[in-house]
Amino acid sequence: MPKIESLLLTAARICTYDGQRQLTNASGFFFARGKRLFLVTSRHVMIDEPSKHFPDRIVIEVHTAEANMASSTGFSIPLYRDGKSIWRQGLDTAGEIDVAAIELDRDALPEAMVYSAFTPDHLPGPEEPIEVGSSVLVVGFPLGFHDTLHHMPVVRHAVLASSFGLRFQGQGYFLTDGRTHRGTSGAPVVLRVADAPGKPSDLPWRLLGVHSARLDLGTRDLELDEALGLNCTWYADILLTLTE
């Protein structure tokens, strides 16, 4: 069978549930810290007060056979234990960060689960030059759309639309210019890099951020002006705090 790009195996389709009632579709990805494994997505996937979105569990679709990518199963993850949320979310000086991480019980996962995971080594270094206009990919499940046979995400192209490293309007995110849809929330935003000494060669990508939502102007004339086509992407370095 053809070799599957490791990047595609980092992403997971998320369905949110309230009991047995399915609520929404979203995107997420795997992040490993030592022997621990986390699922990362947008915080508003876990809970969103303005839209009255209050799931009590999420289900991710995982591959279960390397020789047959059509083989998958749903893995249910509770969001609360003893009435308390078990995902992690962050704060900074500007307020809440729209990123959440929840630790996965490796012993409960399918033994033959096929996946790839980002690690702290995939985060860009403080002196690494990342230029505005750089081409990036958003790996996710827009409107829940995906390869339903092989259970694979789709990849959208975008470019960095604001200075990377300069918090846009003082918030913990940067902007991308690209076409996105609902369901892409929580998708990894990545930049291709050449293999470097000491860096993982099987997943040659920099994890720049976590896609959150489209950015629009409240003053835009809905009849005369098109949407900006800009997106908020929260810096991925928050994961170092959330996975400590």
Protein backbone atom coordinates (compact mmCIF):
# COMPACT_ATOMS: atom_id res chain seq x y z
CA MET A 1 0.00 0.00 0.00
CA PRO A 2 1.21 3.59 -0.53
CA LYS A 3 3.01 5.27 2.34
CA ILE A 4 0.69 7.58 4.28
CA GLU A 5 2.12 11.00 5.05
CA SER A 6 2.78 11.20 8.77
CA LEU A 7 1.25 14.67 8.87
CA LEU A 8 -2.19 13.27 8.06
CA LEU A 9 -1.92 10.82 10.95
CA THR A 10 -1.45 13.63 13.49
CA ALA A 11 -5.02 14.86 13.03
CA ALA A 12 -8.18 13.43 14.58
CA ARG A 13 -11.81 14.11 13.78
CA ILE A 14 -13.74 15.12 16.89
CA CYS A 15 -17.46 14.78 17.50
CA THR A 16 -18.89 16.39 20.63
CA TYR A 17 -21.74 14.79 22.55
CA ASP A 18 -24.18 15.59 25.30
CA GLY A 19 -25.04 12.11 26.47
CA GLN A 20 -26.02 10.25 23.31
CA ARG A 21 -26.87 13.42 21.37
CA GLN A 22 -24.23 14.52 18.90
CA LEU A 23 -23.62 18.27 18.92
CA THR A 24 -20.81 19.39 16.60
CA ASN A 25 -17.82 18.34 14.51
CA ALA A 26 -14.34 19.71 15.11
CA SER A 27 -10.66 18.99 14.51
CA GLY A 28 -7.83 18.05 16.83
CA PHE A 29 -4.34 16.57 16.84
CA PHE A 30 -2.01 14.46 18.93
CA PHE A 31 0.81 15.93 21.01
CA ALA A 32 3.27 13.75 22.92
CA ARG A 33 5.24 14.88 25.95
CA GLY A 34 7.58 12.15 27.08
CA LYS A 35 5.46 9.03 27.58
CA ARG A 36 2.26 11.03 27.87
CA LEU A 37 -0.12 11.60 24.96
CA PHE A 38 -2.55 14.48 24.63
CA LEU A 39 -5.34 15.45 22.29
CA VAL A 40 -5.26 19.15 21.43
CA THR A 41 -8.14 21.20 20.06
CA SER A 42 -9.79 24.58 20.53
CA ARG A 43 -11.08 25.37 23.99
CA HIS A 44 -14.49 26.31 22.54
CA VAL A 45 -14.85 22.71 21.33
CA MET A 46 -14.89 21.59 24.98
CA ILE A 47 -17.19 24.35 26.18
CA ASP A 48 -18.55 27.53 24.65
CA GLU A 49 -20.81 29.61 26.85
CA PRO A 50 -21.96 32.15 24.20
CA SER A 51 -23.35 29.43 21.94
CA LYS A 52 -24.55 27.29 24.88
CA HIS A 53 -22.32 24.43 23.78
CA PHE A 54 -21.86 22.14 26.77
CA PRO A 55 -20.75 18.62 25.74
CA ASP A 56 -19.96 16.04 28.39
CA ARG A 57 -17.74 13.90 26.18
CA ILE A 58 -16.00 13.83 22.84
CA VAL A 59 -15.39 10.96 20.44
CA ILE A 60 -12.35 10.79 18.19
CA GLU A 61 -11.92 8.45 15.24
CA VAL A 62 -8.68 6.45 15.39
CA HIS A 63 -7.03 4.08 12.92
CA THR A 64 -6.66 0.54 14.17
CA ALA A 65 -4.62 -1.29 11.50
CA GLU A 66 -1.52 -0.02 9.73
CA ALA A 67 -2.09 -2.39 6.82
CA ASN A 68 -5.70 -1.26 6.37
CA MET A 69 -6.36 2.45 6.80
CA ALA A 70 -10.07 1.82 6.28
CA SER A 71 -10.12 0.14 9.69
CA SER A 72 -11.07 2.58 12.44
CA THR A 73 -13.03 2.90 15.63
CA GLY A 74 -14.51 5.65 17.75
CA PHE A 75 -12.77 6.37 21.05
CA SER A 76 -14.89 8.15 23.66
CA ILE A 77 -13.24 10.64 26.02
CA PRO A 78 -15.16 12.00 29.02
CA LEU A 79 -14.71 15.71 29.67
CA TYR A 80 -15.63 15.66 33.35
CA ARG A 81 -14.71 13.58 36.37
CA ASP A 82 -16.52 14.01 39.67
CA GLY A 83 -18.16 17.09 38.24
CA LYS A 84 -14.85 18.78 37.34
CA SER A 85 -13.49 19.36 33.86
CA ILE A 86 -10.42 17.29 33.06
CA TRP A 87 -9.13 19.18 30.06
CA ARG A 88 -6.49 21.88 30.46
CA GLN A 89 -6.81 25.42 29.20
CA GLY A 90 -4.57 28.43 29.47
CA LEU A 91 -4.59 32.09 30.37
CA ASP A 92 -2.24 34.92 29.59
CA THR A 93 -2.21 38.63 30.28
CA ALA A 94 -4.83 39.22 27.57
CA GLY A 95 -7.28 36.64 28.95
CA GLU A 96 -8.35 33.13 27.98
CA ILE A 97 -6.51 31.24 25.25
CA ASP A 98 -8.67 29.26 22.84
CA VAL A 99 -6.62 26.08 23.13
CA ALA A 100 -7.36 22.99 25.20
CA ALA A 101 -5.45 19.77 25.83
CA ILE A 102 -6.76 16.58 27.38
CA GLU A 103 -4.52 13.69 28.37
CA LEU A 104 -5.34 10.32 26.83
CA ASP A 105 -5.13 7.07 28.76
CA ARG A 106 -2.68 5.10 26.63
CA ASP A 107 -3.79 1.83 28.23
CA ALA A 108 -7.36 2.45 27.08
CA LEU A 109 -6.44 3.25 23.48
CA PRO A 110 -6.59 0.49 20.85
CA GLU A 111 -3.38 -1.52 21.07
CA ALA A 112 -2.75 -1.28 17.32
CA MET A 113 -3.70 2.39 17.04
CA VAL A 114 -1.94 4.11 14.11
CA TYR A 115 -1.09 7.78 14.61
CA SER A 116 1.66 10.38 14.58
CA ALA A 117 2.17 12.99 17.27
CA PHE A 118 3.86 16.35 17.46
CA THR A 119 6.32 16.87 20.30
CA PRO A 120 8.01 19.92 21.86
CA ASP A 121 10.75 19.46 19.24
CA HIS A 122 8.24 20.45 16.56
CA LEU A 123 7.69 23.89 18.06
CA PRO A 124 9.69 26.70 16.43
CA GLY A 125 12.62 28.08 18.37
CA PRO A 126 12.65 31.71 19.52
CA GLU A 127 15.31 32.69 16.97
CA GLU A 128 13.92 30.66 14.08
CA PRO A 129 13.05 32.96 11.17
CA ILE A 130 9.42 32.56 10.10
CA GLU A 131 8.47 35.21 7.58
CA VAL A 132 5.14 36.86 6.96
CA GLY A 133 3.67 35.41 3.77
CA SER A 134 5.09 31.95 4.48
CA SER A 135 2.99 29.09 3.16
CA VAL A 136 1.34 26.99 5.87
CA LEU A 137 -1.09 24.08 5.95
CA VAL A 138 -4.23 23.63 8.05
CA VAL A 139 -4.95 19.94 8.63
CA GLY A 140 -8.51 19.25 9.65
CA PHE A 141 -12.10 18.36 8.99
CA PRO A 142 -13.98 21.39 7.57
CA LEU A 143 -17.72 20.94 8.11
CA GLY A 144 -16.80 17.40 9.17
CA PHE A 145 -15.69 16.65 5.58
CA HIS A 146 -13.00 13.97 5.19
CA ASP A 147 -12.08 10.79 3.38
CA THR A 148 -14.82 8.64 4.88
CA LEU A 149 -13.28 5.42 3.55
CA HIS A 150 -9.78 5.91 4.92
CA HIS A 151 -10.78 8.30 7.72
CA MET A 152 -8.25 10.92 6.69
CA PRO A 153 -8.37 14.70 7.10
CA VAL A 154 -8.06 17.19 4.27
CA VAL A 155 -5.44 19.91 4.05
CA ARG A 156 -6.12 23.56 3.29
CA HIS A 157 -3.49 26.05 2.22
CA ALA A 158 -2.99 29.42 3.93
CA VAL A 159 -0.28 32.03 4.37
CA LEU A 160 0.92 33.91 7.42
CA ALA A 161 -0.95 37.21 7.32
CA SER A 162 0.62 38.88 10.35
CA SER A 163 4.09 38.97 11.84
CA PHE A 164 4.84 35.63 13.50
CA GLY A 165 5.99 36.22 17.07
CA LEU A 166 4.22 39.59 17.32
CA ARG A 167 0.98 38.99 19.17
CA PHE A 168 -1.78 40.41 16.99
CA GLN A 169 -3.46 43.30 18.83
CA GLY A 170 -1.81 42.04 22.00
CA GLN A 171 -3.63 38.69 21.87
CA GLY A 172 -1.97 35.28 21.95
CA TYR A 173 -2.56 34.57 18.28
CA PHE A 174 -1.36 35.41 14.79
CA LEU A 175 -3.35 35.65 11.58
CA THR A 176 -3.51 33.39 8.56
CA ASP A 177 -5.06 34.17 5.19
CA GLY A 178 -6.93 31.14 3.91
CA ARG A 179 -10.32 29.61 3.31
CA THR A 180 -11.65 27.82 6.38
CA HIS A 181 -14.98 26.50 7.60
CA ARG A 182 -16.70 25.42 10.78
CA GLY A 183 -15.29 22.12 11.91
CA THR A 184 -11.70 23.28 11.36
CA SER A 185 -11.49 24.56 14.93
CA GLY A 186 -8.60 22.85 16.68
CA ALA A 187 -6.67 21.95 13.53
CA PRO A 188 -2.87 22.17 13.59
CA VAL A 189 -1.28 24.93 11.50
CA VAL A 190 2.09 23.75 10.26
CA LEU A 191 5.08 24.92 8.23
CA ARG A 192 7.23 22.56 6.18
CA VAL A 193 10.89 22.53 7.17
CA ALA A 194 13.97 20.78 5.89
CA ASP A 195 15.33 18.02 8.09
CA ALA A 196 17.69 19.37 10.69
CA PRO A 197 20.10 17.61 13.06
CA GLY A 198 18.38 16.54 16.24
CA LYS A 199 14.91 17.10 14.82
CA PRO A 200 12.36 14.38 14.02
CA SER A 201 12.80 13.46 10.36
CA ASP A 202 9.63 11.38 10.13
CA LEU A 203 7.44 14.43 10.74
CA PRO A 204 9.31 17.32 9.08
CA TRP A 205 6.92 20.10 10.07
CA ARG A 206 6.94 23.01 12.48
CA LEU A 207 3.81 23.20 14.61
CA LEU A 208 3.10 26.93 14.58
CA GLY A 209 -0.35 27.10 16.08
CA VAL A 210 -3.89 25.90 16.63
CA HIS A 211 -6.56 27.21 14.27
CA SER A 212 -9.40 28.83 16.19
CA ALA A 213 -11.88 30.78 14.11
CA ARG A 214 -12.40 33.17 11.23
CA LEU A 215 -11.81 36.83 11.97
CA ASP A 216 -14.29 39.36 10.69
CA LEU A 217 -15.03 43.05 11.07
CA GLY A 218 -18.13 43.98 12.99
CA THR A 219 -18.32 47.14 10.89
CA ARG A 220 -18.30 45.27 7.57
CA ASP A 221 -21.26 45.99 5.28
CA LEU A 222 -22.68 42.50 4.77
CA GLU A 223 -24.08 43.42 1.36
CA LEU A 224 -21.20 45.44 -0.06
CA ASP A 225 -18.09 43.97 1.57
CA GLU A 226 -16.79 40.43 1.32
CA ALA A 227 -15.51 38.65 4.41
CA LEU A 228 -11.84 39.26 5.15
CA GLY A 229 -10.86 35.61 4.81
CA LEU A 230 -8.52 35.93 7.80
CA ASN A 231 -8.23 33.45 10.65
CA CYS A 232 -7.01 33.49 14.25
CA THR A 233 -4.35 30.92 15.07
CA TRP A 234 -3.19 30.62 18.67
CA TYR A 235 0.54 30.11 19.21
CA ALA A 236 1.37 26.47 19.82
CA ASP A 237 3.92 27.20 22.56
CA ILE A 238 1.00 27.29 25.03
CA LEU A 239 1.18 23.49 24.79
CA LEU A 240 4.39 23.52 26.83
CA THR A 241 2.33 24.90 29.71
CA LEU A 242 -0.77 22.76 29.16
CA THR A 243 1.16 19.49 29.02
CA GLU A 244 3.53 20.01 31.96
